[in-house]
Amino acid sequence: MRVVLTALVIASAAFPLAAQRFGATENLGPAIPTPQFLVERMLEAGHVKPGDMVYDLGSGDGRVVICAAQRFGARAVGVELMPDLVRKARQRIQSLGLADRVSIVEDSALRVDLSPADVVTMWFLTYSNLRLRPHLEKQLKMGARVVSNEFPIRGWKATEMIQVKVGKMEHSIFVYEIGKTN
């Protein structure tokens, strides 16, 4: 837990960059990279399959969208507010030869068009998930899956909750399916 709190403090230092372009209300949380073992479990929990369109909200360095393409054969879009993270993720995607299946957009999770998504992944605090919920409900098609790392989406009923234990740390992954959330 101490590691997560330390990362929250460090990541919040980057917040002013995003706030300049999008405004403070657009930022749903600090930039904390999802550990790779959780990236894979989140995509597995979302039942990602070849040809699926995966959107990762708050995509940071692009690790979720890259894994979705490389390991699961999906197409993927990362949505990120911070220009420096967008640039780094785009460079990595290009260097891996994934630009035909993976892209990163510099935008707000609260504004981006999610209608093409089969699966949406995210790691935001509960309050941010609650703010994002109306956008997800409006934009996502019936049957689309939403995978939230660590924090639930209040008011929705998870179709699955997965506990991942690594050492002494336990992580929760909440899976929702549009049309089965209440």
C-alpha atoms as a PDB file:
ATOM      1  CA  MET A   1       0.000   0.000   0.000  1.00  0.00           C
ATOM      2  CA  ARG A   2       2.861   2.360   0.790  1.00  0.00           C
ATOM      3  CA  VAL A   3       4.215   1.874  -2.749  1.00  0.00           C
ATOM      4  CA  VAL A   4       0.853   2.859  -4.260  1.00  0.00           C
ATOM      5  CA  LEU A   5       0.587   5.963  -2.048  1.00  0.00           C
ATOM      6  CA  THR A   6       4.133   7.017  -2.897  1.00  0.00           C
ATOM      7  CA  ALA A   7       3.383   6.565  -6.595  1.00  0.00           C
ATOM      8  CA  LEU A   8       0.215   8.666  -6.203  1.00  0.00           C
ATOM      9  CA  VAL A   9       2.208  11.536  -4.708  1.00  0.00           C
ATOM     10  CA  ILE A  10       4.921  11.372  -7.366  1.00  0.00           C
ATOM     11  CA  ALA A  11       2.446  11.075 -10.226  1.00  0.00           C
ATOM     12  CA  SER A  12       0.392  14.013  -9.000  1.00  0.00           C
ATOM     13  CA  ALA A  13       3.374  16.249  -9.775  1.00  0.00           C
ATOM     14  CA  ALA A  14       2.652  15.693 -13.499  1.00  0.00           C
ATOM     15  CA  PHE A  15      -0.978  16.795 -13.091  1.00  0.00           C
ATOM     16  CA  PRO A  16      -0.425  20.505 -13.973  1.00  0.00           C
ATOM     17  CA  LEU A  17       0.588  19.574 -17.543  1.00  0.00           C
ATOM     18  CA  ALA A  18      -2.711  17.837 -18.201  1.00  0.00           C
ATOM     19  CA  ALA A  19      -4.681  20.477 -16.334  1.00  0.00           C
ATOM     20  CA  GLN A  20      -3.336  23.199 -18.658  1.00  0.00           C
ATOM     21  CA  ARG A  21      -4.926  21.601 -21.719  1.00  0.00           C
ATOM     22  CA  PHE A  22      -7.977  19.784 -20.368  1.00  0.00           C
ATOM     23  CA  GLY A  23      -8.745  21.431 -17.040  1.00  0.00           C
ATOM     24  CA  ALA A  24      -8.593  19.921 -13.587  1.00  0.00           C
ATOM     25  CA  THR A  25     -11.996  18.260 -13.893  1.00  0.00           C
ATOM     26  CA  GLU A  26     -10.822  16.171 -16.870  1.00  0.00           C
ATOM     27  CA  ASN A  27      -8.045  14.464 -14.906  1.00  0.00           C
ATOM     28  CA  LEU A  28      -9.415  11.305 -13.306  1.00  0.00           C
ATOM     29  CA  GLY A  29      -6.269  10.261 -11.470  1.00  0.00           C
ATOM     30  CA  PRO A  30      -2.487  10.199 -11.283  1.00  0.00           C
ATOM     31  CA  ALA A  31      -0.296   8.340 -13.742  1.00  0.00           C
ATOM     32  CA  ILE A  32       0.617   5.074 -12.039  1.00  0.00           C
ATOM     33  CA  PRO A  33       1.795   2.291 -14.365  1.00  0.00           C
ATOM     34  CA  THR A  34      -0.172  -0.941 -14.017  1.00  0.00           C
ATOM     35  CA  PRO A  35       2.188  -3.814 -13.161  1.00  0.00           C
ATOM     36  CA  GLN A  36       2.539  -6.170 -16.146  1.00  0.00           C
ATOM     37  CA  PHE A  37       1.088  -9.183 -14.326  1.00  0.00           C
ATOM     38  CA  LEU A  38      -2.078  -7.141 -13.676  1.00  0.00           C
ATOM     39  CA  VAL A  39      -2.210  -5.922 -17.272  1.00  0.00           C
ATOM     40  CA  GLU A  40      -2.372  -9.535 -18.443  1.00  0.00           C
ATOM     41  CA  ARG A  41      -4.936 -10.545 -15.803  1.00  0.00           C
ATOM     42  CA  MET A  42      -7.144  -7.543 -16.668  1.00  0.00           C
ATOM     43  CA  LEU A  43      -7.150  -8.455 -20.345  1.00  0.00           C
ATOM     44  CA  GLU A  44      -7.831 -12.104 -19.524  1.00  0.00           C
ATOM     45  CA  ALA A  45     -10.666 -11.040 -17.192  1.00  0.00           C
ATOM     46  CA  GLY A  46     -12.132  -8.938 -20.001  1.00  0.00           C
ATOM     47  CA  HIS A  47     -12.143 -12.040 -22.220  1.00  0.00           C
ATOM     48  CA  VAL A  48     -10.190 -10.183 -24.912  1.00  0.00           C
ATOM     49  CA  LYS A  49      -9.973 -12.175 -28.118  1.00  0.00           C
ATOM     50  CA  PRO A  50      -8.455 -11.629 -31.575  1.00  0.00           C
ATOM     51  CA  GLY A  51     -10.178  -8.813 -33.441  1.00  0.00           C
ATOM     52  CA  ASP A  52     -11.641  -7.176 -30.306  1.00  0.00           C
ATOM     53  CA  MET A  53     -11.293  -3.406 -29.968  1.00  0.00           C
ATOM     54  CA  VAL A  54      -9.778  -2.563 -26.582  1.00  0.00           C
ATOM     55  CA  TYR A  55      -9.766   0.966 -25.158  1.00  0.00           C
ATOM     56  CA  ASP A  56      -7.492   1.727 -22.208  1.00  0.00           C
ATOM     57  CA  LEU A  57      -8.494   4.889 -20.348  1.00  0.00           C
ATOM     58  CA  GLY A  58      -5.525   6.654 -18.789  1.00  0.00           C
ATOM     59  CA  SER A  59      -3.202   4.576 -20.954  1.00  0.00           C
ATOM     60  CA  GLY A  60       0.071   6.094 -19.736  1.00  0.00           C
ATOM     61  CA  ASP A  61       3.009   4.386 -21.441  1.00  0.00           C
ATOM     62  CA  GLY A  62       0.728   2.158 -23.516  1.00  0.00           C
ATOM     63  CA  ARG A  63       1.483  -1.151 -21.825  1.00  0.00           C
ATOM     64  CA  VAL A  64      -2.174  -2.315 -21.797  1.00  0.00           C
ATOM     65  CA  VAL A  65      -2.842  -1.569 -25.468  1.00  0.00           C
ATOM     66  CA  ILE A  66       0.508  -3.069 -26.509  1.00  0.00           C
ATOM     67  CA  CYS A  67      -0.201  -6.269 -24.569  1.00  0.00           C
ATOM     68  CA  ALA A  68      -3.753  -6.424 -25.983  1.00  0.00           C
ATOM     69  CA  ALA A  69      -2.303  -6.438 -29.512  1.00  0.00           C
ATOM     70  CA  GLN A  70       0.749  -8.625 -28.936  1.00  0.00           C
ATOM     71  CA  ARG A  71      -0.673 -11.299 -26.647  1.00  0.00           C
ATOM     72  CA  PHE A  72      -4.391 -11.285 -27.463  1.00  0.00           C
ATOM     73  CA  GLY A  73      -4.473 -10.268 -31.143  1.00  0.00           C
ATOM     74  CA  ALA A  74      -6.744  -7.314 -30.439  1.00  0.00           C
ATOM     75  CA  ARG A  75      -6.793  -3.844 -31.932  1.00  0.00           C
ATOM     76  CA  ALA A  76      -6.400  -1.176 -29.271  1.00  0.00           C
ATOM     77  CA  VAL A  77      -6.688   2.533 -28.527  1.00  0.00           C
ATOM     78  CA  GLY A  78      -5.089   4.209 -25.540  1.00  0.00           C
ATOM     79  CA  VAL A  79      -6.593   7.428 -24.192  1.00  0.00           C
ATOM     80  CA  GLU A  80      -4.169   9.664 -22.305  1.00  0.00           C
ATOM     81  CA  LEU A  81      -4.201  13.303 -21.135  1.00  0.00           C
ATOM     82  CA  MET A  82      -0.486  13.867 -20.604  1.00  0.00           C
ATOM     83  CA  PRO A  83       1.359  14.841 -23.810  1.00  0.00           C
ATOM     84  CA  ASP A  84       4.707  13.407 -22.693  1.00  0.00           C
ATOM     85  CA  LEU A  85       3.154   9.992 -22.009  1.00  0.00           C
ATOM     86  CA  VAL A  86       1.291  10.114 -25.334  1.00  0.00           C
ATOM     87  CA  ARG A  87       4.555  10.827 -27.175  1.00  0.00           C
ATOM     88  CA  LYS A  88       6.459   8.023 -25.384  1.00  0.00           C
ATOM     89  CA  ALA A  89       3.676   5.494 -25.951  1.00  0.00           C
ATOM     90  CA  ARG A  90       3.417   6.379 -29.643  1.00  0.00           C
ATOM     91  CA  GLN A  91       7.184   5.971 -30.052  1.00  0.00           C
ATOM     92  CA  ARG A  92       7.105   2.562 -28.369  1.00  0.00           C
ATOM     93  CA  ILE A  93       4.158   1.399 -30.495  1.00  0.00           C
ATOM     94  CA  GLN A  94       5.989   2.521 -33.644  1.00  0.00           C
ATOM     95  CA  SER A  95       9.229   0.800 -32.613  1.00  0.00           C
ATOM     96  CA  LEU A  96       7.341  -2.458 -31.975  1.00  0.00           C
ATOM     97  CA  GLY A  97       5.697  -2.312 -35.386  1.00  0.00           C
ATOM     98  CA  LEU A  98       2.185  -2.168 -33.937  1.00  0.00           C
ATOM     99  CA  ALA A  99       0.988   1.111 -35.466  1.00  0.00           C
ATOM    100  CA  ASP A 100      -1.439  -0.739 -37.746  1.00  0.00           C
ATOM    101  CA  ARG A 101      -3.310  -2.170 -34.715  1.00  0.00           C
ATOM    102  CA  VAL A 102      -2.580   0.190 -31.820  1.00  0.00           C
ATOM    103  CA  SER A 103      -2.963   3.945 -31.419  1.00  0.00           C
ATOM    104  CA  ILE A 104      -2.846   6.502 -28.635  1.00  0.00           C
ATOM    105  CA  VAL A 105      -5.102   9.548 -28.590  1.00  0.00           C
ATOM    106  CA  GLU A 106      -4.439  12.610 -26.486  1.00  0.00           C
ATOM    107  CA  ASP A 107      -7.881  13.163 -25.034  1.00  0.00           C
ATOM    108  CA  SER A 108     -10.033  12.923 -21.934  1.00  0.00           C
ATOM    109  CA  ALA A 109     -11.695   9.659 -20.929  1.00  0.00           C
ATOM    110  CA  LEU A 110     -14.759  11.804 -20.210  1.00  0.00           C
ATOM    111  CA  ARG A 111     -14.965  12.994 -23.846  1.00  0.00           C
ATOM    112  CA  VAL A 112     -13.522  10.311 -26.104  1.00  0.00           C
ATOM    113  CA  ASP A 113     -15.843   8.288 -28.353  1.00  0.00           C
ATOM    114  CA  LEU A 114     -15.938   4.786 -26.860  1.00  0.00           C
ATOM    115  CA  SER A 115     -18.619   3.388 -29.177  1.00  0.00           C
ATOM    116  CA  PRO A 116     -16.185   1.107 -31.114  1.00  0.00           C
ATOM    117  CA  ALA A 117     -14.977  -0.571 -27.878  1.00  0.00           C
ATOM    118  CA  ASP A 118     -15.575  -4.228 -27.100  1.00  0.00           C
ATOM    119  CA  VAL A 119     -13.497  -3.938 -23.920  1.00  0.00           C
ATOM    120  CA  VAL A 120     -12.569  -0.894 -21.820  1.00  0.00           C
ATOM    121  CA  THR A 121      -9.822  -1.125 -19.204  1.00  0.00           C
ATOM    122  CA  MET A 122      -9.074   1.461 -16.534  1.00  0.00           C
ATOM    123  CA  TRP A 123      -7.436   2.096 -13.195  1.00  0.00           C
ATOM    124  CA  PHE A 124      -9.087   5.072 -11.530  1.00  0.00           C
ATOM    125  CA  LEU A 125     -10.276   5.724  -7.993  1.00  0.00           C
ATOM    126  CA  THR A 126     -13.903   4.913  -7.107  1.00  0.00           C
ATOM    127  CA  TYR A 127     -14.939   8.576  -7.318  1.00  0.00           C
ATOM    128  CA  SER A 128     -13.468   8.895 -10.821  1.00  0.00           C
ATOM    129  CA  ASN A 129     -15.195   5.665 -11.882  1.00  0.00           C
ATOM    130  CA  LEU A 130     -18.476   7.164 -10.689  1.00  0.00           C
ATOM    131  CA  ARG A 131     -17.841  10.307 -12.763  1.00  0.00           C
ATOM    132  CA  LEU A 132     -17.003   8.184 -15.796  1.00  0.00           C
ATOM    133  CA  ARG A 133     -20.000   5.856 -15.438  1.00  0.00           C
ATOM    134  CA  PRO A 134     -22.553   8.017 -17.346  1.00  0.00           C
ATOM    135  CA  HIS A 135     -20.128   8.304 -20.287  1.00  0.00           C
ATOM    136  CA  LEU A 136     -19.607   4.538 -20.328  1.00  0.00           C
ATOM    137  CA  GLU A 137     -23.374   3.931 -20.159  1.00  0.00           C
ATOM    138  CA  LYS A 138     -24.037   6.340 -23.014  1.00  0.00           C
ATOM    139  CA  GLN A 139     -21.178   5.283 -25.298  1.00  0.00           C
ATOM    140  CA  LEU A 140     -20.734   1.533 -24.912  1.00  0.00           C
ATOM    141  CA  LYS A 141     -22.710  -1.042 -26.871  1.00  0.00           C
ATOM    142  CA  MET A 142     -24.595  -3.935 -25.316  1.00  0.00           C
ATOM    143  CA  GLY A 143     -22.189  -6.708 -24.333  1.00  0.00           C
ATOM    144  CA  ALA A 144     -19.094  -4.486 -24.099  1.00  0.00           C
ATOM    145  CA  ARG A 145     -16.936  -5.360 -21.092  1.00  0.00           C
ATOM    146  CA  VAL A 146     -15.474  -2.850 -18.646  1.00  0.00           C
ATOM    147  CA  VAL A 147     -12.512  -3.970 -16.556  1.00  0.00           C
ATOM    148  CA  SER A 148     -11.591  -1.815 -13.567  1.00  0.00           C
ATOM    149  CA  ASN A 149      -8.384  -2.425 -11.670  1.00  0.00           C
ATOM    150  CA  GLU A 150      -8.666  -2.134  -7.863  1.00  0.00           C
ATOM    151  CA  PHE A 151     -11.758   0.091  -7.661  1.00  0.00           C
ATOM    152  CA  PRO A 152     -15.413  -0.779  -8.346  1.00  0.00           C
ATOM    153  CA  ILE A 153     -17.928   1.232 -10.331  1.00  0.00           C
ATOM    154  CA  ARG A 154     -20.576   2.132  -7.768  1.00  0.00           C
ATOM    155  CA  GLY A 155     -24.117   1.454  -8.873  1.00  0.00           C
ATOM    156  CA  TRP A 156     -23.056  -1.331 -11.241  1.00  0.00           C
ATOM    157  CA  LYS A 157     -23.112  -5.036 -10.459  1.00  0.00           C
ATOM    158  CA  ALA A 158     -19.885  -6.801 -11.422  1.00  0.00           C
ATOM    159  CA  THR A 159     -20.307  -9.924 -13.525  1.00  0.00           C
ATOM    160  CA  GLU A 160     -17.016 -11.101 -12.092  1.00  0.00           C
ATOM    161  CA  MET A 161     -14.530 -10.052  -9.412  1.00  0.00           C
ATOM    162  CA  ILE A 162     -11.073 -11.550  -9.520  1.00  0.00           C
ATOM    163  CA  GLN A 163      -8.574 -11.486  -6.673  1.00  0.00           C
ATOM    164  CA  VAL A 164      -4.924 -11.626  -7.685  1.00  0.00           C
ATOM    165  CA  LYS A 165      -2.423 -12.283  -4.921  1.00  0.00           C
ATOM    166  CA  VAL A 166       1.257 -11.548  -5.401  1.00  0.00           C
ATOM    167  CA  GLY A 167       3.355 -12.012  -2.309  1.00  0.00           C
ATOM    168  CA  LYS A 168       1.537 -10.228   0.493  1.00  0.00           C
ATOM    169  CA  MET A 169      -0.315  -7.899  -1.880  1.00  0.00           C
ATOM    170  CA  GLU A 170      -3.841  -8.665  -3.018  1.00  0.00           C
ATOM    171  CA  HIS A 171      -5.373  -6.933  -6.031  1.00  0.00           C
ATOM    172  CA  SER A 172      -9.008  -6.802  -7.133  1.00  0.00           C
ATOM    173  CA  ILE A 173     -10.185  -6.731 -10.734  1.00  0.00           C
ATOM    174  CA  PHE A 174     -13.837  -5.859 -11.357  1.00  0.00           C
ATOM    175  CA  VAL A 175     -15.464  -6.951 -14.617  1.00  0.00           C
ATOM    176  CA  TYR A 176     -18.736  -5.504 -15.865  1.00  0.00           C
ATOM    177  CA  GLU A 177     -20.769  -6.261 -18.968  1.00  0.00           C
ATOM    178  CA  ILE A 178     -22.971  -3.553 -20.447  1.00  0.00           C
ATOM    179  CA  GLY A 179     -26.548  -4.788 -20.230  1.00  0.00           C
ATOM    180  CA  LYS A 180     -25.797  -6.755 -17.050  1.00  0.00           C
ATOM    181  CA  THR A 181     -24.627  -3.930 -14.794  1.00  0.00           C
ATOM    182  CA  ASN A 182     -27.768  -3.540 -12.689  1.00  0.00           C
END
